[in-house]
Amino acid sequence: MKSYADRVIDAMGGTSAVAQMSKTPTSTVHSWRKNGIPDARLDHLKLVADREGLSIDWSTGERLHEKADAA
């Protein structure tokens, strides 16, 4: 069973994508998978997801829908 951190990171596109979007080292994002996402970082990820147009159910960590493609 995936942890909450795994679900959030996967919903945002994976470890590398989250690292790039949040300007955080990949090793740090990887450690969140093992240790959980600190509250302050989770707040930052919520802002990043909003900026990127990602809809996440923050109670479960699941992605709600895909980002709309620009026409």
C-alpha atoms as a PDB file:
ATOM      1  CA  MET A   1       0.000   0.000   0.000  1.00  0.00           C
ATOM      2  CA  LYS A   2       1.344   3.421  -0.983  1.00  0.00           C
ATOM      3  CA  SER A   3       2.022   5.983   1.702  1.00  0.00           C
ATOM      4  CA  TYR A   4       0.429   9.421   1.614  1.00  0.00           C
ATOM      5  CA  ALA A   5       3.778  10.913   0.529  1.00  0.00           C
ATOM      6  CA  ASP A   6       4.066   8.377  -2.319  1.00  0.00           C
ATOM      7  CA  ARG A   7       0.546   9.212  -3.526  1.00  0.00           C
ATOM      8  CA  VAL A   8       1.200  12.974  -3.461  1.00  0.00           C
ATOM      9  CA  ILE A   9       4.551  12.699  -5.225  1.00  0.00           C
ATOM     10  CA  ASP A  10       3.170  10.302  -7.846  1.00  0.00           C
ATOM     11  CA  ALA A  11       0.098  12.512  -8.369  1.00  0.00           C
ATOM     12  CA  MET A  12       2.422  15.424  -9.080  1.00  0.00           C
ATOM     13  CA  GLY A  13       4.399  13.472 -11.681  1.00  0.00           C
ATOM     14  CA  GLY A  14       7.016  11.587  -9.689  1.00  0.00           C
ATOM     15  CA  THR A  15      10.187  12.323  -7.763  1.00  0.00           C
ATOM     16  CA  SER A  16      12.077  14.157 -10.519  1.00  0.00           C
ATOM     17  CA  ALA A  17       9.074  16.242 -11.540  1.00  0.00           C
ATOM     18  CA  VAL A  18       8.356  17.301  -7.960  1.00  0.00           C
ATOM     19  CA  ALA A  19      12.022  18.162  -7.443  1.00  0.00           C
ATOM     20  CA  GLN A  20      12.054  20.358 -10.555  1.00  0.00           C
ATOM     21  CA  MET A  21       8.722  22.035  -9.857  1.00  0.00           C
ATOM     22  CA  SER A  22       9.553  22.766  -6.220  1.00  0.00           C
ATOM     23  CA  LYS A  23      13.244  23.593  -6.820  1.00  0.00           C
ATOM     24  CA  THR A  24      14.171  20.927  -4.274  1.00  0.00           C
ATOM     25  CA  PRO A  25      16.984  18.367  -4.584  1.00  0.00           C
ATOM     26  CA  THR A  26      15.836  14.991  -5.916  1.00  0.00           C
ATOM     27  CA  SER A  27      17.384  13.332  -2.860  1.00  0.00           C
ATOM     28  CA  THR A  28      15.146  15.411  -0.598  1.00  0.00           C
ATOM     29  CA  VAL A  29      11.994  14.431  -2.470  1.00  0.00           C
ATOM     30  CA  HIS A  30      13.139  10.813  -2.374  1.00  0.00           C
ATOM     31  CA  SER A  31      13.566  11.055   1.398  1.00  0.00           C
ATOM     32  CA  TRP A  32       9.969  12.278   1.697  1.00  0.00           C
ATOM     33  CA  ARG A  33       8.844   8.943   0.279  1.00  0.00           C
ATOM     34  CA  LYS A  34      10.584   7.213   3.194  1.00  0.00           C
ATOM     35  CA  ASN A  35      10.077   9.729   6.014  1.00  0.00           C
ATOM     36  CA  GLY A  36       6.922  11.596   4.992  1.00  0.00           C
ATOM     37  CA  ILE A  37       6.523  15.146   3.730  1.00  0.00           C
ATOM     38  CA  PRO A  38       7.088  17.796   6.436  1.00  0.00           C
ATOM     39  CA  ASP A  39       4.079  20.071   6.970  1.00  0.00           C
ATOM     40  CA  ALA A  40       5.876  23.191   5.718  1.00  0.00           C
ATOM     41  CA  ARG A  41       6.977  21.374   2.546  1.00  0.00           C
ATOM     42  CA  LEU A  42       3.463  20.031   2.011  1.00  0.00           C
ATOM     43  CA  ASP A  43       2.135  23.591   2.167  1.00  0.00           C
ATOM     44  CA  HIS A  44       4.718  24.549  -0.461  1.00  0.00           C
ATOM     45  CA  LEU A  45       3.742  21.566  -2.659  1.00  0.00           C
ATOM     46  CA  LYS A  46       0.106  22.697  -2.497  1.00  0.00           C
ATOM     47  CA  LEU A  47       1.148  26.078  -3.904  1.00  0.00           C
ATOM     48  CA  VAL A  48       3.314  24.409  -6.564  1.00  0.00           C
ATOM     49  CA  ALA A  49       0.462  22.092  -7.605  1.00  0.00           C
ATOM     50  CA  ASP A  50      -1.882  25.053  -7.895  1.00  0.00           C
ATOM     51  CA  ARG A  51       0.660  26.971  -9.989  1.00  0.00           C
ATOM     52  CA  GLU A  52       1.112  23.948 -12.267  1.00  0.00           C
ATOM     53  CA  GLY A  53      -2.642  23.405 -12.652  1.00  0.00           C
ATOM     54  CA  LEU A  54      -2.622  20.063 -10.827  1.00  0.00           C
ATOM     55  CA  SER A  55      -5.720  19.132  -8.882  1.00  0.00           C
ATOM     56  CA  ILE A  56      -4.870  16.960  -5.902  1.00  0.00           C
ATOM     57  CA  ASP A  57      -7.206  15.635  -3.228  1.00  0.00           C
ATOM     58  CA  TRP A  58      -5.002  16.648  -0.286  1.00  0.00           C
ATOM     59  CA  SER A  59      -6.924  14.415   2.114  1.00  0.00           C
ATOM     60  CA  THR A  60      -5.890  11.300   0.154  1.00  0.00           C
ATOM     61  CA  GLY A  61      -2.964  12.512  -1.962  1.00  0.00           C
ATOM     62  CA  GLU A  62      -4.631  11.342  -5.181  1.00  0.00           C
ATOM     63  CA  ARG A  63      -4.744  13.337  -8.409  1.00  0.00           C
ATOM     64  CA  LEU A  64      -8.237  14.475  -9.353  1.00  0.00           C
ATOM     65  CA  HIS A  65      -7.737  15.188 -13.056  1.00  0.00           C
ATOM     66  CA  GLU A  66      -5.082  15.897 -15.640  1.00  0.00           C
ATOM     67  CA  LYS A  67      -3.830  19.380 -16.425  1.00  0.00           C
ATOM     68  CA  ALA A  68      -5.657  20.730 -19.452  1.00  0.00           C
ATOM     69  CA  ASP A  69      -3.517  20.938 -22.565  1.00  0.00           C
ATOM     70  CA  ALA A  70      -3.155  24.342 -24.174  1.00  0.00           C
ATOM     71  CA  ALA A  71      -4.864  24.536 -27.550  1.00  0.00           C
END
